Amino acid sequence: MDAVLFDMDGLLVDSEKIWFQVECEVMERLGGRWGTADQEYLVGGSMTAAVTHMLKISGAGAHPDDVAAWMLEGMTSRLADGVEMMPGAAELLASVRRAGLRTALVTSSVRPIAQACLKGIGVDNFDHVVTGDDVMRTKPHPEPYLTAARLLGVAAARCVALEDSPNGVTSATAAGCRVVAVPSVLPIPAAPGRLVVESLREIDVDVLRALAARDS
């Protein structure tokens, strides 16, 4: 194992509930309604996907750029008050860094949202940050994880990725990474090359190394 790649929303920070609040507010502004099924449909996806879905189900004539701006303002204003780390996240990041492993943050969120979260997570915990603004195709496409591996100068097959959503798991698996899944909004089944746990508290560097060393 040469590197550990971390998702952000729902994995390192407890931000899915904030996304839901903002999405509800924006949909109300569009004259529509937002529910848990909509959140489940979009979890782990991009801002573009969220805006497209909102305009489709609301039937509103707003410009996509305006809707994205409302989403961005809602998220960054809330994140300015700080982010709540997921259980075990800070401890795992610290242990990975102590072990001398390369790290990257790989998120579908746009860079301003990632930067707001990084103030709480600690930008020094990552050698590189890959956001939704840095790739042509976001999760579930493998490009985000392939980009992170390239920036780190390592093979994706020698990386372990930590994810909370099916979209993220699909992206990391397609890139060739071993995957630790900590399901948040949606369930994620066990599979070859994948470890499914309930909390990051169950993970340490030894567990990551053991997963990376598995034959399948």
Foldseek 3Di string as FASTA:
>chain_A
DFAEEEEPDPAFFPCLVLLQVLLQVLLVVQVHGDDLVLSQVQPQHALLVSLVVSCVRSVGPDDSVVSSVSSLVSLLVVLQVPTHTFPQNQVQLVQCVVVVHAYEYQYAYDPSNVVSHCVRNPPVSHPYYHYVVNDPDGFPAQVRLLVRCVVVVHQLLQYEYEEAHPRVVNNSVVSNHQYEYQHDSDDDDDDQSYHYDPGSVVDHPVVVVVSSPDPD
